[in-house]
Amino acid sequence: MSNHTSVTLRSLLKWEHLILGTDIVPKQRVSSILAGKHYSMMRGRGLDFEEVRHYVPGDDIRNIDWKVTARTRKPHTKVFNEEKERPALVVVDQTSFLRFGSAQYLKSVMAAEAAALAAFRTTKKGDRCGGLVFSDDNIEWFPPKRSRNAILQLLKAVSQNNQELLHKKALKSNVGQFHLALKRIANYVTHDFVISIISDFSQCTAPDFKIIKQLAHHNDVVCIHIEDPLDMITTENNMIITEGANQLFWRRSKEKVMLTEKNKNEQMHDQFEQLRRKHRIPVIVLNTSEHLELQIKNLFKRRTHA
């Protein structure tokens, strides 16, 4: 799909044919995030009653449950079931932190291809799709639309940012971009969105994880974690790190730095475990060692046999 170090719009468009022509992502149960038309919650009258939940700005006031509201002194609304489309947002990290890969692919490439997969999967379901692409310098926003052209505009931005990242002579580590991207999403969505956040999450702080949890209260959030074998670095051995032409001998004398990074990654994995167990937010781990298509097929094969 790519040359392993960068992507083009043309290479990303190949995912459209793969999604439409194969069962790379098998059909899931109706309530799944990856299902076709979602059996999801929608405000309305004359439908099957599902539950009562806290009122969210934008809910139909005709569905307010006044008895529960009076008892709890907080507005609650009745929720009904109906099969409907759900707008999807694909949040793609293309910052300098992803211009790294010790195996076959750069993290930035894996993130870009995962974004194409998510976008075309949404198109296949017939839902509206938009997203946000953030780099060291920019945040580009694409409101959800039900058109192929909207997908093309999103993926064009992904490919352009990916190319610019590869050819940057000096990397600028803007640690605040991840937070600004999440804030932009939080300020836009209300409820019933499907939000795919694609990053290595290396710059995801405690406040950022809090935003993700808040988004998941009334939306389906999926964290797609791009991982490299060197992320879980150890302090046991000396290492030789190379970019092809140049080499760096990393001595054990750097043990303090390595231990700091190791602890940081372990804390991030603890946060992911909390997202899974306590907040039921799916965390999909993709590595830079294997082709994305193979990883997706193996992922669903494991879930099928689980």
Protein backbone atom coordinates (compact mmCIF):
# COMPACT_ATOMS: atom_id res chain seq x y z
CA MET A 1 0.00 0.00 0.00
CA SER A 2 2.94 2.36 0.58
CA ASN A 3 6.71 2.58 0.30
CA HIS A 4 6.91 2.06 4.09
CA THR A 5 8.23 5.59 4.76
CA SER A 6 5.44 7.73 3.28
CA VAL A 7 2.05 7.52 1.61
CA THR A 8 0.39 9.19 -1.35
CA LEU A 9 -3.27 9.84 -2.00
CA ARG A 10 -3.16 7.16 -4.66
CA SER A 11 -1.77 4.58 -2.25
CA LEU A 12 -4.46 5.42 0.32
CA LEU A 13 -7.21 5.06 -2.29
CA LYS A 14 -6.26 1.40 -2.72
CA TRP A 15 -7.95 0.76 0.61
CA GLU A 16 -11.29 1.65 -0.98
CA HIS A 17 -11.05 -1.25 -3.42
CA LEU A 18 -9.83 -3.59 -0.69
CA ILE A 19 -12.72 -2.69 1.61
CA LEU A 20 -15.34 -2.96 -1.15
CA GLY A 21 -13.92 -6.10 -2.71
CA THR A 22 -13.02 -8.23 0.29
CA ASP A 23 -14.11 -9.10 3.79
CA ILE A 24 -10.98 -7.67 5.41
CA VAL A 25 -13.25 -6.35 8.19
CA PRO A 26 -15.92 -9.04 8.74
CA LYS A 27 -19.48 -8.23 9.66
CA GLN A 28 -19.95 -7.80 13.39
CA ARG A 29 -23.00 -8.11 15.60
CA VAL A 30 -25.48 -5.31 15.03
CA SER A 31 -24.50 -3.27 18.08
CA SER A 32 -20.81 -3.27 17.18
CA ILE A 33 -18.92 -0.12 16.27
CA LEU A 34 -17.75 -1.91 13.14
CA ALA A 35 -21.18 -3.11 12.11
CA GLY A 36 -23.10 -2.02 9.06
CA LYS A 37 -26.18 0.03 9.88
CA HIS A 38 -25.98 0.52 13.63
CA TYR A 39 -28.73 -0.60 15.97
CA SER A 40 -28.23 2.55 17.97
CA MET A 41 -29.99 4.91 20.30
CA MET A 42 -31.98 7.76 18.82
CA ARG A 43 -34.41 10.23 20.25
CA GLY A 44 -37.89 9.89 18.78
CA ARG A 45 -41.51 8.96 19.39
CA GLY A 46 -43.34 5.80 18.45
CA LEU A 47 -40.18 3.72 18.65
CA ASP A 48 -39.05 0.98 21.02
CA PHE A 49 -38.13 2.40 24.41
CA GLU A 50 -34.52 1.68 25.36
CA GLU A 51 -33.55 3.58 28.53
CA VAL A 52 -33.51 6.87 30.40
CA ARG A 53 -30.27 8.83 30.47
CA HIS A 54 -29.04 12.33 31.33
CA TYR A 55 -30.28 15.04 29.00
CA VAL A 56 -27.66 16.26 26.51
CA PRO A 57 -27.97 19.62 24.71
CA GLY A 58 -29.55 18.85 21.35
CA ASP A 59 -31.91 16.16 22.64
CA ASP A 60 -35.58 16.55 21.76
CA ILE A 61 -37.21 18.21 24.78
CA ARG A 62 -40.43 16.30 23.99
CA ASN A 63 -38.68 13.15 25.22
CA ILE A 64 -37.74 14.51 28.64
CA ASP A 65 -38.78 12.09 31.39
CA TRP A 66 -40.33 14.53 33.85
CA LYS A 67 -40.80 11.97 36.63
CA VAL A 68 -37.12 11.00 36.69
CA THR A 69 -36.13 14.64 36.26
CA ALA A 70 -38.24 15.66 39.28
CA ARG A 71 -36.91 12.79 41.39
CA THR A 72 -33.22 13.37 40.60
CA ARG A 73 -33.46 17.14 40.09
CA LYS A 74 -31.40 16.69 36.93
CA PRO A 75 -32.91 16.61 33.41
CA HIS A 76 -33.26 13.11 31.93
CA THR A 77 -34.50 12.06 28.52
CA LYS A 78 -36.05 8.89 27.17
CA VAL A 79 -34.04 7.06 24.53
CA PHE A 80 -35.53 4.93 21.79
CA ASN A 81 -34.02 2.36 19.44
CA GLU A 82 -33.93 2.84 15.72
CA GLU A 83 -31.57 1.65 13.02
CA LYS A 84 -29.84 4.75 11.71
CA GLU A 85 -26.62 6.11 10.32
CA ARG A 86 -24.05 7.55 12.69
CA PRO A 87 -21.55 10.27 11.77
CA ALA A 88 -17.93 9.15 12.03
CA LEU A 89 -14.84 11.23 12.79
CA VAL A 90 -11.32 10.03 12.04
CA VAL A 91 -8.65 11.83 14.11
CA VAL A 92 -5.19 11.31 12.57
CA ASP A 93 -1.85 12.14 14.18
CA GLN A 94 0.86 13.20 11.70
CA THR A 95 3.22 14.97 14.08
CA SER A 96 6.98 14.55 14.33
CA PHE A 97 6.52 11.99 17.08
CA LEU A 98 5.25 9.54 14.45
CA ARG A 99 8.22 9.92 12.10
CA PHE A 100 9.74 6.87 13.66
CA GLY A 101 9.87 3.17 12.95
CA SER A 102 12.40 0.48 13.81
CA ALA A 103 10.67 -2.22 11.75
CA GLN A 104 9.02 -2.18 8.31
CA TYR A 105 6.88 0.95 8.52
CA LEU A 106 7.04 4.40 10.02
CA LYS A 107 4.35 5.08 12.59
CA SER A 108 3.10 7.95 10.43
CA VAL A 109 2.52 5.55 7.52
CA MET A 110 0.63 3.05 9.67
CA ALA A 111 -1.54 5.87 11.07
CA ALA A 112 -2.32 7.19 7.58
CA GLU A 113 -3.33 3.77 6.27
CA ALA A 114 -5.46 3.06 9.34
CA ALA A 115 -7.23 6.39 8.67
CA ALA A 116 -7.99 5.34 5.08
CA LEU A 117 -9.31 1.99 6.31
CA ALA A 118 -11.60 3.69 8.86
CA ALA A 119 -12.85 6.27 6.36
CA PHE A 120 -13.70 3.82 3.60
CA ARG A 121 -15.29 1.44 6.09
CA THR A 122 -17.62 4.29 7.07
CA THR A 123 -18.43 4.96 3.42
CA LYS A 124 -19.30 1.30 2.92
CA LYS A 125 -21.81 1.53 5.77
CA GLY A 126 -23.41 4.58 4.19
CA ASP A 127 -22.65 6.86 7.13
CA ARG A 128 -21.32 10.42 7.05
CA CYS A 129 -17.57 10.70 7.56
CA GLY A 130 -15.29 13.57 8.47
CA GLY A 131 -12.24 14.02 10.58
CA LEU A 132 -9.28 15.97 11.78
CA VAL A 133 -5.63 15.76 10.71
CA PHE A 134 -3.05 17.35 12.98
CA SER A 135 0.66 17.96 12.41
CA ASP A 136 3.29 19.97 14.26
CA ASP A 137 2.03 23.19 12.69
CA ASN A 138 -1.58 22.72 11.64
CA ILE A 139 -4.93 21.22 12.54
CA GLU A 140 -7.16 20.58 9.53
CA TRP A 141 -10.87 20.00 10.14
CA PHE A 142 -13.32 18.20 7.84
CA PRO A 143 -17.00 18.14 8.91
CA PRO A 144 -18.81 14.80 8.38
CA LYS A 145 -20.39 14.46 4.94
CA ARG A 146 -21.89 11.59 3.01
CA SER A 147 -19.82 11.80 -0.16
CA ARG A 148 -16.76 10.24 -1.68
CA ASN A 149 -15.33 13.69 -2.31
CA ALA A 150 -15.36 14.37 1.45
CA ILE A 151 -13.30 11.22 1.99
CA LEU A 152 -10.89 12.30 -0.75
CA GLN A 153 -10.40 15.71 0.86
CA LEU A 154 -9.68 14.10 4.24
CA LEU A 155 -7.20 11.59 2.81
CA LYS A 156 -5.57 14.25 0.63
CA ALA A 157 -4.79 16.18 3.81
CA VAL A 158 -3.46 13.00 5.44
CA SER A 159 -1.15 12.26 2.49
CA GLN A 160 0.08 15.86 2.21
CA ASN A 161 0.92 16.05 5.89
CA ASN A 162 2.59 12.66 5.66
CA GLN A 163 4.78 13.78 2.75
CA GLU A 164 5.69 17.05 4.48
CA LEU A 165 6.62 15.16 7.64
CA LEU A 166 8.96 12.84 5.74
CA HIS A 167 10.79 15.70 4.01
CA LYS A 168 11.16 17.99 7.01
CA LYS A 169 14.80 18.83 7.62
CA ALA A 170 14.19 19.94 11.17
CA LEU A 171 11.57 18.27 13.33
CA LYS A 172 9.53 20.48 15.62
CA SER A 173 8.08 18.65 18.60
CA ASN A 174 4.84 20.49 19.33
CA VAL A 175 3.60 18.60 22.38
CA GLY A 176 0.35 20.58 22.60
CA GLN A 177 -1.14 19.53 19.26
CA PHE A 178 -2.67 16.30 20.54
CA HIS A 179 -4.54 18.20 23.27
CA LEU A 180 -5.75 20.89 20.85
CA ALA A 181 -7.02 18.21 18.46
CA LEU A 182 -9.02 16.50 21.19
CA LYS A 183 -10.45 19.83 22.36
CA ARG A 184 -11.57 20.59 18.81
CA ILE A 185 -13.42 17.27 18.63
CA ALA A 186 -14.95 17.71 22.09
CA ASN A 187 -16.27 21.15 21.14
CA TYR A 188 -17.94 19.73 18.02
CA VAL A 189 -19.56 16.42 18.90
CA THR A 190 -22.77 16.03 20.87
CA HIS A 191 -23.73 12.34 20.96
CA ASP A 192 -23.98 9.22 18.80
CA PHE A 193 -20.72 9.85 16.91
CA VAL A 194 -18.15 7.16 16.16
CA ILE A 195 -14.72 8.66 16.86
CA SER A 196 -11.51 6.88 15.83
CA ILE A 197 -8.38 8.40 17.39
CA ILE A 198 -5.24 7.23 15.56
CA SER A 199 -1.90 8.03 17.20
CA ASP A 200 1.01 6.57 19.11
CA PHE A 201 -0.44 8.46 22.12
CA SER A 202 3.07 9.37 23.24
CA GLN A 203 1.89 12.93 23.94
CA CYS A 204 -1.40 11.92 25.56
CA THR A 205 -1.44 13.37 29.07
CA ALA A 206 -3.79 12.69 31.98
CA PRO A 207 -6.08 15.61 30.92
CA ASP A 208 -6.19 14.17 27.40
CA PHE A 209 -7.25 10.75 28.65
CA LYS A 210 -9.94 12.55 30.66
CA ILE A 211 -11.27 14.15 27.46
CA ILE A 212 -11.34 10.75 25.76
CA LYS A 213 -13.38 9.32 28.64
CA GLN A 214 -15.79 12.27 28.47
CA LEU A 215 -16.23 11.80 24.73
CA ALA A 216 -17.13 8.16 25.36
CA HIS A 217 -20.04 9.08 27.64
CA HIS A 218 -22.38 9.69 24.70
CA ASN A 219 -20.31 8.52 21.73
CA ASP A 220 -18.45 5.42 20.59
CA VAL A 221 -14.71 6.07 20.83
CA VAL A 222 -12.02 3.77 19.43
CA CYS A 223 -8.34 4.33 20.25
CA ILE A 224 -6.02 2.99 17.55
CA HIS A 225 -2.59 2.81 19.12
CA ILE A 226 0.37 2.72 16.71
CA GLU A 227 3.20 0.88 18.43
CA ASP A 228 6.82 0.16 17.56
CA PRO A 229 9.02 -2.59 19.05
CA LEU A 230 11.38 0.03 20.48
CA ASP A 231 8.59 1.80 22.37
CA MET A 232 8.92 -0.64 25.26
CA ILE A 233 12.63 -0.05 25.50
CA THR A 234 14.67 -1.88 28.11
CA THR A 235 17.77 -0.91 30.04
CA GLU A 236 19.43 -4.28 29.75
CA ASN A 237 21.62 -3.98 26.66
CA ASN A 238 23.61 -1.57 24.55
CA MET A 239 21.95 -0.83 21.21
CA ILE A 240 22.92 0.35 17.76
CA ILE A 241 20.32 2.67 16.24
CA THR A 242 20.58 3.49 12.52
CA GLU A 243 18.71 5.53 9.92
CA GLY A 244 20.45 3.74 7.10
CA ALA A 245 23.44 5.99 6.46
CA ASN A 246 24.25 6.94 10.04
CA GLN A 247 24.53 4.88 13.20
CA LEU A 248 24.26 5.70 16.88
CA PHE A 249 25.66 3.48 19.61
CA TRP A 250 23.29 3.77 22.60
CA ARG A 251 25.23 2.82 25.72
CA ARG A 252 23.84 1.62 28.99
CA SER A 253 25.17 4.89 30.40
CA LYS A 254 21.90 6.37 29.05
CA GLU A 255 20.05 4.10 31.44
CA LYS A 256 18.33 6.98 33.27
CA VAL A 257 16.84 8.34 30.04
CA MET A 258 15.76 4.87 28.94
CA LEU A 259 14.17 4.15 32.31
CA THR A 260 12.18 7.39 32.11
CA GLU A 261 10.84 6.43 28.68
CA LYS A 262 10.09 2.90 29.85
CA ASN A 263 8.09 4.18 32.82
CA LYS A 264 6.23 6.64 30.60
CA ASN A 265 5.16 3.85 28.24
CA GLU A 266 4.11 1.60 31.09
CA GLN A 267 1.93 4.40 32.50
CA MET A 268 0.34 4.85 29.07
CA HIS A 269 -0.48 1.15 28.88
CA ASP A 270 -2.03 1.35 32.34
CA GLN A 271 -4.26 4.16 31.07
CA PHE A 272 -5.26 2.05 28.07
CA GLU A 273 -6.16 -0.83 30.38
CA GLN A 274 -8.37 1.52 32.36
CA LEU A 275 -10.07 2.69 29.16
CA ARG A 276 -10.80 -0.93 28.25
CA ARG A 277 -11.96 -2.25 31.59
CA LYS A 278 -13.61 0.69 33.32
CA HIS A 279 -14.88 2.74 30.39
CA ARG A 280 -15.30 -0.02 27.78
CA ILE A 281 -13.39 1.95 25.17
CA PRO A 282 -11.81 -0.37 22.56
CA VAL A 283 -8.05 0.02 22.15
CA ILE A 284 -6.74 -1.49 18.92
CA VAL A 285 -2.95 -1.92 18.82
CA LEU A 286 -1.24 -1.80 15.43
CA ASN A 287 2.49 -2.36 15.06
CA THR A 288 5.07 -1.11 12.57
CA SER A 289 6.33 -4.62 11.83
CA GLU A 290 3.49 -6.05 9.73
CA HIS A 291 1.26 -5.00 6.85
CA LEU A 292 -1.97 -3.41 8.08
CA GLU A 293 -4.20 -5.80 6.12
CA LEU A 294 -2.60 -8.81 7.82
CA GLN A 295 -2.92 -7.20 11.25
CA ILE A 296 -6.62 -6.43 10.76
CA LYS A 297 -7.38 -9.96 9.59
CA ASN A 298 -5.49 -11.44 12.55
CA LEU A 299 -7.25 -9.08 14.92
CA PHE A 300 -10.71 -10.26 13.91
CA LYS A 301 -9.56 -13.87 13.72
CA ARG A 302 -8.54 -13.66 17.39
CA ARG A 303 -11.85 -12.06 18.34
CA THR A 304 -13.78 -14.72 16.48
CA HIS A 305 -12.05 -17.51 18.40
CA ALA A 306 -12.08 -15.67 21.74
